[in-house]
C-alpha atoms as a PDB file:
ATOM      1  CA  LEU A   1      60.174  13.556 100.497  1.00  0.00           C
ATOM      2  CA  GLY A   2      61.250  12.047  97.205  1.00  0.00           C
ATOM      3  CA  LEU A   3      60.464  15.222  95.282  1.00  0.00           C
ATOM      4  CA  ALA A   4      62.589  17.349  97.620  1.00  0.00           C
ATOM      5  CA  THR A   5      65.554  14.987  97.828  1.00  0.00           C
ATOM      6  CA  ALA A   6      66.569  15.346  94.190  1.00  0.00           C
ATOM      7  CA  ASN A   7      66.512  19.124  94.561  1.00  0.00           C
ATOM      8  CA  PHE A   8      68.967  19.055  97.460  1.00  0.00           C
ATOM      9  CA  TRP A   9      71.564  17.269  95.362  1.00  0.00           C
ATOM     10  CA  ALA A  10      70.932  19.464  92.310  1.00  0.00           C
ATOM     11  CA  ILE A  11      71.176  22.709  94.288  1.00  0.00           C
ATOM     12  CA  THR A  12      74.376  21.571  95.989  1.00  0.00           C
ATOM     13  CA  GLN A  13      75.948  20.756  92.642  1.00  0.00           C
ATOM     14  CA  ILE A  14      74.842  24.045  91.079  1.00  0.00           C
ATOM     15  CA  ILE A  15      76.207  26.312  93.817  1.00  0.00           C
ATOM     16  CA  SER A  16      79.392  24.322  94.460  1.00  0.00           C
ATOM     17  CA  PRO A  17      82.625  24.987  92.592  1.00  0.00           C
ATOM     18  CA  ALA A  18      83.236  22.179  90.097  1.00  0.00           C
ATOM     19  CA  HIS A  19      86.394  20.917  91.772  1.00  0.00           C
ATOM     20  CA  LEU A  20      84.691  20.791  95.215  1.00  0.00           C
ATOM     21  CA  ILE A  21      81.312  19.256  94.380  1.00  0.00           C
ATOM     22  CA  GLY A  22      82.238  15.893  95.860  1.00  0.00           C
ATOM     23  CA  ARG A  23      83.413  17.451  99.102  1.00  0.00           C
ATOM     24  CA  PHE A  24      80.310  19.626  99.439  1.00  0.00           C
ATOM     25  CA  VAL A  25      77.941  16.737  98.707  1.00  0.00           C
ATOM     26  CA  GLY A  26      79.826  14.569 101.203  1.00  0.00           C
ATOM     27  CA  CYS A  27      79.458  17.201 103.924  1.00  0.00           C
ATOM     28  CA  GLN A  28      75.774  17.557 103.117  1.00  0.00           C
ATOM     29  CA  ASN A  29      75.290  13.797 103.315  1.00  0.00           C
ATOM     30  CA  ALA A  30      77.183  13.582 106.622  1.00  0.00           C
ATOM     31  CA  ALA A  31      74.991  16.295 108.128  1.00  0.00           C
ATOM     32  CA  ALA A  32      71.862  14.469 106.965  1.00  0.00           C
ATOM     33  CA  GLN A  33      73.043  11.255 108.572  1.00  0.00           C
ATOM     34  CA  ILE A  34      73.239  12.962 111.973  1.00  0.00           C
ATOM     35  CA  GLY A  35      69.461  13.340 111.862  1.00  0.00           C
ATOM     36  CA  ALA A  36      69.070   9.767 110.665  1.00  0.00           C
ATOM     37  CA  VAL A  37      71.008   8.534 113.691  1.00  0.00           C
ATOM     38  CA  CYS A  38      69.332  10.826 116.228  1.00  0.00           C
ATOM     39  CA  ALA A  39      65.705  10.404 115.114  1.00  0.00           C
ATOM     40  CA  PRO A  40      65.179   6.830 116.369  1.00  0.00           C
ATOM     41  CA  ILE A  41      66.951   7.603 119.630  1.00  0.00           C
ATOM     42  CA  VAL A  42      64.840  10.696 120.326  1.00  0.00           C
ATOM     43  CA  THR A  43      61.661   8.899 119.236  1.00  0.00           C
ATOM     44  CA  GLY A  44      62.443   5.986 121.531  1.00  0.00           C
ATOM     45  CA  GLN A  45      63.068   8.277 124.480  1.00  0.00           C
ATOM     46  CA  LEU A  46      59.837  10.201 123.900  1.00  0.00           C
ATOM     47  CA  LEU A  47      57.807   7.047 123.292  1.00  0.00           C
ATOM     48  CA  GLY A  48      59.238   5.339 126.368  1.00  0.00           C
ATOM     49  CA  LYS A  49      58.162   8.178 128.641  1.00  0.00           C
ATOM     50  CA  SER A  50      54.710   8.911 127.227  1.00  0.00           C
ATOM     51  CA  HIS A  51      53.729   5.743 125.289  1.00  0.00           C
ATOM     52  CA  ASP A  52      52.313   8.093 122.654  1.00  0.00           C
ATOM     53  CA  PHE A  53      53.744   9.074 119.283  1.00  0.00           C
ATOM     54  CA  ALA A  54      52.257  12.573 119.462  1.00  0.00           C
ATOM     55  CA  HIS A  55      55.367  14.022 121.095  1.00  0.00           C
ATOM     56  CA  SER A  56      57.578  12.470 118.426  1.00  0.00           C
ATOM     57  CA  PHE A  57      55.535  14.118 115.683  1.00  0.00           C
ATOM     58  CA  GLU A  58      55.671  17.427 117.528  1.00  0.00           C
ATOM     59  CA  VAL A  59      59.478  17.235 117.742  1.00  0.00           C
ATOM     60  CA  ALA A  60      59.679  16.308 114.048  1.00  0.00           C
ATOM     61  CA  ALA A  61      57.482  19.294 113.135  1.00  0.00           C
ATOM     62  CA  LEU A  62      59.604  21.569 115.310  1.00  0.00           C
ATOM     63  CA  CYS A  63      62.795  20.354 113.623  1.00  0.00           C
ATOM     64  CA  LEU A  64      61.252  20.968 110.207  1.00  0.00           C
ATOM     65  CA  ALA A  65      60.229  24.491 111.182  1.00  0.00           C
ATOM     66  CA  LEU A  66      63.687  25.237 112.605  1.00  0.00           C
ATOM     67  CA  ALA A  67      65.352  23.954 109.437  1.00  0.00           C
ATOM     68  CA  ALA A  68      63.104  26.142 107.263  1.00  0.00           C
ATOM     69  CA  VAL A  69      63.904  29.208 109.367  1.00  0.00           C
ATOM     70  CA  ALA A  70      67.624  28.409 109.243  1.00  0.00           C
ATOM     71  CA  ILE A  71      67.548  28.170 105.448  1.00  0.00           C
ATOM     72  CA  LEU A  72      65.614  31.417 105.094  1.00  0.00           C
ATOM     73  CA  VAL A  73      67.874  33.285 107.510  1.00  0.00           C
ATOM     74  CA  LEU A  74      71.294  31.844 106.736  1.00  0.00           C
ATOM     75  CA  ILE A  75      71.354  31.284 102.979  1.00  0.00           C
ATOM     76  CA  ARG A  76      71.470  34.421 100.879  1.00  0.00           C
ATOM     77  CA  GLU A  77      71.850  34.674  97.100  1.00  0.00           C
ATOM     78  CA  ARG A  78      74.657  37.201  97.431  1.00  0.00           C
ATOM     79  CA  ALA A  79      76.641  34.868  99.679  1.00  0.00           C
ATOM     80  CA  VAL A  80      76.157  31.965  97.266  1.00  0.00           C
ATOM     81  CA  LYS A  81      77.427  34.120  94.392  1.00  0.00           C
ATOM     82  CA  GLN A  82      80.433  35.221  96.464  1.00  0.00           C
ATOM     83  CA  ILE A  83      81.314  31.621  97.285  1.00  0.00           C
ATOM     84  CA  GLY A  84      80.977  30.656  93.623  1.00  0.00           C
ATOM     85  CA  TYR A  85      83.181  33.550  92.555  1.00  0.00           C
ATOM     86  CA  LEU A  86      85.768  32.806  95.219  1.00  0.00           C
ATOM     87  CA  PHE A  87      86.205  29.220  94.107  1.00  0.00           C
ATOM     88  CA  SER A  88      85.749  29.786  90.371  1.00  0.00           C
ATOM     89  CA  SER A  89      89.029  31.658  90.194  1.00  0.00           C
ATOM     90  CA  THR A  90      90.888  28.656  91.680  1.00  0.00           C
ATOM     91  CA  SER A  91      92.279  26.177  89.175  1.00  0.00           C
ATOM     92  CA  ASP A  92      91.795  22.401  89.501  1.00  0.00           C
END
Protein backbone atom coordinates (compact mmCIF):
# COMPACT_ATOMS: atom_id res chain seq x y z
CA LEU A 1 0.00 0.00 0.00
CA GLY A 2 2.72 2.46 0.90
CA LEU A 3 4.52 1.96 -2.41
CA ALA A 4 1.36 2.67 -4.41
CA THR A 5 0.21 5.68 -2.40
CA ALA A 6 3.11 7.92 -3.39
CA ASN A 7 2.47 7.12 -7.04
CA PHE A 8 -1.14 8.28 -6.85
CA TRP A 9 -0.08 11.73 -5.69
CA ALA A 10 2.77 11.94 -8.20
CA ILE A 11 0.59 10.90 -11.14
CA THR A 12 -2.13 13.36 -10.15
CA GLN A 13 0.39 16.19 -10.01
CA ILE A 14 1.97 15.24 -13.33
CA ILE A 15 -1.26 15.09 -15.33
CA SER A 16 -2.93 18.07 -13.66
CA PRO A 17 -2.55 21.62 -14.95
CA ALA A 18 -0.26 23.57 -12.61
CA HIS A 19 -2.93 26.02 -11.49
CA LEU A 20 -5.40 23.19 -10.69
CA ILE A 21 -3.18 20.67 -8.91
CA GLY A 22 -4.61 21.50 -5.50
CA ARG A 23 -8.18 21.10 -6.71
CA PHE A 24 -7.45 17.79 -8.44
CA VAL A 25 -5.61 16.37 -5.43
CA GLY A 26 -8.45 17.50 -3.16
CA CYS A 27 -11.02 15.72 -5.33
CA GLN A 28 -8.86 12.60 -5.36
CA ASN A 29 -8.53 12.69 -1.58
CA ALA A 30 -12.29 13.21 -1.12
CA ALA A 31 -13.04 10.21 -3.33
CA ALA A 32 -10.59 8.09 -1.33
CA GLN A 33 -12.25 9.08 1.92
CA ILE A 34 -15.59 7.70 0.70
CA GLY A 35 -14.03 4.24 0.74
CA ALA A 36 -12.48 4.90 4.13
CA VAL A 37 -15.91 5.73 5.55
CA CYS A 38 -17.77 2.88 3.85
CA ALA A 39 -15.29 0.06 4.52
CA PRO A 40 -15.93 -0.32 8.28
CA ILE A 41 -19.67 -0.05 7.77
CA VAL A 42 -19.75 -2.74 5.07
CA THR A 43 -17.35 -4.94 7.05
CA GLY A 44 -19.51 -4.62 10.15
CA GLN A 45 -22.65 -5.53 8.24
CA LEU A 46 -21.01 -8.57 6.64
CA LEU A 47 -19.39 -9.68 9.89
CA GLY A 48 -22.62 -9.26 11.84
CA LYS A 49 -24.53 -11.55 9.49
CA SER A 50 -21.94 -14.29 8.97
CA HIS A 51 -19.51 -13.95 11.92
CA ASP A 52 -16.74 -14.63 9.40
CA PHE A 53 -14.30 -12.21 7.80
CA ALA A 54 -14.18 -14.20 4.56
CA HIS A 55 -17.02 -12.21 3.00
CA SER A 56 -15.31 -8.94 3.90
CA PHE A 57 -12.13 -10.03 2.13
CA GLU A 58 -14.16 -11.14 -0.88
CA VAL A 59 -15.83 -7.71 -1.10
CA ALA A 60 -12.45 -5.99 -0.74
CA ALA A 61 -11.01 -8.13 -3.55
CA LEU A 62 -14.03 -7.38 -5.72
CA CYS A 63 -13.63 -3.64 -5.13
CA LEU A 64 -9.95 -3.86 -6.04
CA ALA A 65 -10.74 -5.73 -9.25
CA LEU A 66 -13.46 -3.23 -10.18
CA ALA A 67 -11.11 -0.31 -9.56
CA ALA A 68 -8.42 -1.90 -11.76
CA VAL A 69 -10.92 -2.45 -14.57
CA ALA A 70 -12.20 1.12 -14.23
CA ILE A 71 -8.68 2.51 -14.52
CA LEU A 72 -7.87 0.36 -17.54
CA VAL A 73 -11.13 1.21 -19.30
CA LEU A 74 -11.64 4.86 -18.38
CA ILE A 75 -8.17 6.41 -18.37
CA ARG A 76 -6.56 6.80 -21.76
CA GLU A 77 -3.27 8.53 -22.59
CA ARG A 78 -4.89 10.56 -25.35
CA ALA A 79 -7.53 11.90 -22.97
CA VAL A 80 -4.89 12.83 -20.40
CA LYS A 81 -2.93 14.73 -23.07
CA GLN A 82 -6.11 16.51 -24.21
CA ILE A 83 -6.90 17.59 -20.65
CA GLY A 84 -3.33 18.81 -20.18
CA TYR A 85 -3.46 20.76 -23.43
CA LEU A 86 -6.85 22.24 -22.63
CA PHE A 87 -5.70 23.63 -19.31
CA SER A 88 -2.15 24.53 -20.34
CA SER A 89 -3.43 27.29 -22.58
CA THR A 90 -5.27 28.91 -19.64
CA SER A 91 -3.31 31.52 -17.71
CA ASP A 92 -3.09 31.56 -13.90
